[in-house]
Amino acid sequence: MRHKLGFQSFYLYSAACSDRKSSFSLLLPQVNKICMQLFLNQLDKTLEEKILLVMDNAGWHSGLVVPDKIQILYLPPYSPELNPIERLWQYLKNHLLKNKIYDSLDHLEDAVCDFIRQLSPDIVASVCHCNYVIL
């Protein structure tokens, strides 16, 4: 009997500030402009002052309505290593995903959410710190 293999996923949108030792994450079902706009709107609601958000030039990062408290710094093409949040993704992979198998997507989603919630501000600061963004 033939079976079509399926692929399931979820997406973690995050922003982190090493100076303030803070982060904000949102788990969403897709990666697109609608979800990116939702992320920006929700991030804006948590902000007390204006921030600079470093982003690459992914297709879903253009044509957004950027809230007043968020200023976007777009990275040059093909330079994901310059994005501080990429370091958080690598940290998550090394500490949560590497050499582990989850029984279901729901179990993985729960593990990712628990991991993000339990990240200490000091770890966020050390992992996401970069000295090349000067305000």
C-alpha atoms as a PDB file:
ATOM      1  CA  MET A   1       0.000   0.000   0.000  1.00  0.00           C
ATOM      2  CA  ARG A   2       1.349   3.438  -0.886  1.00  0.00           C
ATOM      3  CA  HIS A   3       1.297   6.312   1.562  1.00  0.00           C
ATOM      4  CA  LYS A   4       1.890   9.937   0.903  1.00  0.00           C
ATOM      5  CA  LEU A   5       4.360  11.270   3.408  1.00  0.00           C
ATOM      6  CA  GLY A   6       3.164  14.458   5.028  1.00  0.00           C
ATOM      7  CA  PHE A   7       5.040  17.305   6.561  1.00  0.00           C
ATOM      8  CA  GLN A   8       3.820  19.245   9.561  1.00  0.00           C
ATOM      9  CA  SER A   9       5.397  22.312  11.069  1.00  0.00           C
ATOM     10  CA  PHE A  10       4.998  25.354  13.238  1.00  0.00           C
ATOM     11  CA  TYR A  11       7.007  28.542  13.357  1.00  0.00           C
ATOM     12  CA  LEU A  12       8.562  30.428  16.220  1.00  0.00           C
ATOM     13  CA  TYR A  13       8.781  34.182  15.734  1.00  0.00           C
ATOM     14  CA  SER A  14      11.064  35.896  18.257  1.00  0.00           C
ATOM     15  CA  ALA A  15      12.786  39.140  19.123  1.00  0.00           C
ATOM     16  CA  ALA A  16      15.479  39.512  21.777  1.00  0.00           C
ATOM     17  CA  CYS A  17      17.316  42.409  23.348  1.00  0.00           C
ATOM     18  CA  SER A  18      20.670  41.605  24.916  1.00  0.00           C
ATOM     19  CA  ASP A  19      20.967  45.021  26.595  1.00  0.00           C
ATOM     20  CA  ARG A  20      17.629  44.740  28.371  1.00  0.00           C
ATOM     21  CA  LYS A  21      17.962  40.980  28.781  1.00  0.00           C
ATOM     22  CA  SER A  22      14.488  40.428  27.422  1.00  0.00           C
ATOM     23  CA  SER A  23      12.776  38.519  24.671  1.00  0.00           C
ATOM     24  CA  PHE A  24       9.383  38.043  23.069  1.00  0.00           C
ATOM     25  CA  SER A  25       8.235  34.975  21.156  1.00  0.00           C
ATOM     26  CA  LEU A  26       5.098  33.913  19.392  1.00  0.00           C
ATOM     27  CA  LEU A  27       4.353  30.448  18.011  1.00  0.00           C
ATOM     28  CA  LEU A  28       2.409  30.653  14.760  1.00  0.00           C
ATOM     29  CA  PRO A  29       1.154  28.087  12.229  1.00  0.00           C
ATOM     30  CA  GLN A  30       2.687  29.623   9.095  1.00  0.00           C
ATOM     31  CA  VAL A  31       5.489  31.835   7.910  1.00  0.00           C
ATOM     32  CA  ASN A  32       3.990  34.637   5.833  1.00  0.00           C
ATOM     33  CA  LYS A  33       3.207  38.365   5.861  1.00  0.00           C
ATOM     34  CA  ILE A  34      -0.003  37.900   7.850  1.00  0.00           C
ATOM     35  CA  CYS A  35       1.785  36.067  10.660  1.00  0.00           C
ATOM     36  CA  MET A  36       4.726  38.496  10.571  1.00  0.00           C
ATOM     37  CA  GLN A  37       2.303  41.414  10.896  1.00  0.00           C
ATOM     38  CA  LEU A  38       0.598  39.668  13.815  1.00  0.00           C
ATOM     39  CA  PHE A  39       4.003  39.182  15.463  1.00  0.00           C
ATOM     40  CA  LEU A  40       4.926  42.869  15.030  1.00  0.00           C
ATOM     41  CA  ASN A  41       1.553  43.996  16.394  1.00  0.00           C
ATOM     42  CA  GLN A  42       1.823  41.747  19.443  1.00  0.00           C
ATOM     43  CA  LEU A  43       5.451  42.735  20.057  1.00  0.00           C
ATOM     44  CA  ASP A  44       4.448  46.402  19.865  1.00  0.00           C
ATOM     45  CA  LYS A  45       1.858  45.876  22.621  1.00  0.00           C
ATOM     46  CA  THR A  46       4.618  44.702  24.993  1.00  0.00           C
ATOM     47  CA  LEU A  47       6.930  47.657  24.357  1.00  0.00           C
ATOM     48  CA  GLU A  48       7.329  50.662  26.601  1.00  0.00           C
ATOM     49  CA  GLU A  49       9.812  52.439  24.343  1.00  0.00           C
ATOM     50  CA  LYS A  50      11.012  52.375  20.752  1.00  0.00           C
ATOM     51  CA  ILE A  51      13.205  49.450  19.612  1.00  0.00           C
ATOM     52  CA  LEU A  52      15.375  48.587  16.623  1.00  0.00           C
ATOM     53  CA  LEU A  53      14.427  45.181  15.209  1.00  0.00           C
ATOM     54  CA  VAL A  54      17.041  43.462  13.042  1.00  0.00           C
ATOM     55  CA  MET A  55      15.504  41.416  10.216  1.00  0.00           C
ATOM     56  CA  ASP A  56      16.630  39.831   6.994  1.00  0.00           C
ATOM     57  CA  ASN A  57      14.944  40.589   3.683  1.00  0.00           C
ATOM     58  CA  ALA A  58      12.701  37.528   3.563  1.00  0.00           C
ATOM     59  CA  GLY A  59       9.679  37.890   1.314  1.00  0.00           C
ATOM     60  CA  TRP A  60       7.308  37.997   4.271  1.00  0.00           C
ATOM     61  CA  HIS A  61       9.268  40.912   5.803  1.00  0.00           C
ATOM     62  CA  SER A  62       8.249  43.390   3.101  1.00  0.00           C
ATOM     63  CA  GLY A  63       5.028  45.341   2.787  1.00  0.00           C
ATOM     64  CA  LEU A  64       4.404  45.317   6.542  1.00  0.00           C
ATOM     65  CA  VAL A  65       2.769  48.074   8.541  1.00  0.00           C
ATOM     66  CA  VAL A  66       5.494  48.720  11.096  1.00  0.00           C
ATOM     67  CA  PRO A  67       4.173  50.000  14.437  1.00  0.00           C
ATOM     68  CA  ASP A  68       5.501  53.345  15.681  1.00  0.00           C
ATOM     69  CA  LYS A  69       7.566  51.830  18.501  1.00  0.00           C
ATOM     70  CA  ILE A  70       9.461  49.514  16.129  1.00  0.00           C
ATOM     71  CA  GLN A  71      12.169  50.557  13.707  1.00  0.00           C
ATOM     72  CA  ILE A  72      13.423  47.895  11.288  1.00  0.00           C
ATOM     73  CA  LEU A  73      17.064  47.407  10.326  1.00  0.00           C
ATOM     74  CA  TYR A  74      17.192  45.151   7.267  1.00  0.00           C
ATOM     75  CA  LEU A  75      20.324  43.054   6.863  1.00  0.00           C
ATOM     76  CA  PRO A  76      22.153  42.709   3.564  1.00  0.00           C
ATOM     77  CA  PRO A  77      21.087  39.711   1.439  1.00  0.00           C
ATOM     78  CA  TYR A  78      22.540  36.292   2.281  1.00  0.00           C
ATOM     79  CA  SER A  79      23.829  37.294   5.715  1.00  0.00           C
ATOM     80  CA  PRO A  80      21.767  35.386   8.300  1.00  0.00           C
ATOM     81  CA  GLU A  81      24.839  35.111  10.530  1.00  0.00           C
ATOM     82  CA  LEU A  82      24.459  38.836  11.265  1.00  0.00           C
ATOM     83  CA  ASN A  83      20.971  38.399  12.714  1.00  0.00           C
ATOM     84  CA  PRO A  84      21.219  38.069  16.516  1.00  0.00           C
ATOM     85  CA  ILE A  85      18.033  35.980  16.714  1.00  0.00           C
ATOM     86  CA  GLU A  86      19.670  33.292  14.575  1.00  0.00           C
ATOM     87  CA  ARG A  87      21.943  32.645  17.556  1.00  0.00           C
ATOM     88  CA  LEU A  88      18.893  31.937  19.687  1.00  0.00           C
ATOM     89  CA  TRP A  89      17.640  29.434  17.094  1.00  0.00           C
ATOM     90  CA  GLN A  90      21.015  27.666  17.185  1.00  0.00           C
ATOM     91  CA  TYR A  91      20.981  27.615  20.991  1.00  0.00           C
ATOM     92  CA  LEU A  92      17.486  26.111  20.918  1.00  0.00           C
ATOM     93  CA  LYS A  93      18.555  23.463  18.398  1.00  0.00           C
ATOM     94  CA  ASN A  94      21.641  22.527  20.418  1.00  0.00           C
ATOM     95  CA  HIS A  95      19.824  22.305  23.746  1.00  0.00           C
ATOM     96  CA  LEU A  96      16.388  21.037  22.779  1.00  0.00           C
ATOM     97  CA  LEU A  97      16.418  19.335  19.390  1.00  0.00           C
ATOM     98  CA  LYS A  98      19.840  17.802  18.921  1.00  0.00           C
ATOM     99  CA  ASN A  99      19.796  13.984  19.174  1.00  0.00           C
ATOM    100  CA  LYS A 100      16.169  13.898  20.348  1.00  0.00           C
ATOM    101  CA  ILE A 101      13.030  12.438  18.835  1.00  0.00           C
ATOM    102  CA  TYR A 102       9.579  13.655  19.797  1.00  0.00           C
ATOM    103  CA  ASP A 103       6.515  11.437  19.595  1.00  0.00           C
ATOM    104  CA  SER A 104       4.424  14.052  17.837  1.00  0.00           C
ATOM    105  CA  LEU A 105       4.439  17.591  16.596  1.00  0.00           C
ATOM    106  CA  ASP A 106       2.355  18.549  19.642  1.00  0.00           C
ATOM    107  CA  HIS A 107       5.054  17.190  21.973  1.00  0.00           C
ATOM    108  CA  LEU A 108       7.723  19.123  20.106  1.00  0.00           C
ATOM    109  CA  GLU A 109       5.623  22.284  20.189  1.00  0.00           C
ATOM    110  CA  ASP A 110       5.136  21.901  23.953  1.00  0.00           C
ATOM    111  CA  ALA A 111       8.869  21.345  24.448  1.00  0.00           C
ATOM    112  CA  VAL A 112       9.755  24.444  22.396  1.00  0.00           C
ATOM    113  CA  CYS A 113       7.237  26.574  24.311  1.00  0.00           C
ATOM    114  CA  ASP A 114       8.510  25.331  27.681  1.00  0.00           C
ATOM    115  CA  PHE A 115      12.109  25.919  26.625  1.00  0.00           C
ATOM    116  CA  ILE A 116      11.433  29.487  25.462  1.00  0.00           C
ATOM    117  CA  ARG A 117       9.461  30.297  28.630  1.00  0.00           C
ATOM    118  CA  GLN A 118      12.278  29.022  30.834  1.00  0.00           C
ATOM    119  CA  LEU A 119      15.109  30.884  29.103  1.00  0.00           C
ATOM    120  CA  SER A 120      16.765  33.118  31.643  1.00  0.00           C
ATOM    121  CA  PRO A 121      17.329  36.775  30.763  1.00  0.00           C
ATOM    122  CA  ASP A 122      21.077  36.242  31.185  1.00  0.00           C
ATOM    123  CA  ILE A 123      21.112  33.428  28.631  1.00  0.00           C
ATOM    124  CA  VAL A 124      19.117  35.520  26.152  1.00  0.00           C
ATOM    125  CA  ALA A 125      21.584  38.379  26.656  1.00  0.00           C
ATOM    126  CA  SER A 126      24.689  36.236  26.205  1.00  0.00           C
ATOM    127  CA  VAL A 127      23.362  34.289  23.233  1.00  0.00           C
ATOM    128  CA  CYS A 128      21.941  37.250  21.308  1.00  0.00           C
ATOM    129  CA  HIS A 129      24.548  39.895  22.118  1.00  0.00           C
ATOM    130  CA  CYS A 130      26.131  41.604  19.144  1.00  0.00           C
ATOM    131  CA  ASN A 131      28.453  44.593  19.134  1.00  0.00           C
ATOM    132  CA  TYR A 132      27.961  45.618  15.508  1.00  0.00           C
ATOM    133  CA  VAL A 133      24.545  47.239  15.971  1.00  0.00           C
ATOM    134  CA  ILE A 134      25.229  50.680  17.414  1.00  0.00           C
ATOM    135  CA  LEU A 135      22.413  53.096  18.075  1.00  0.00           C
END
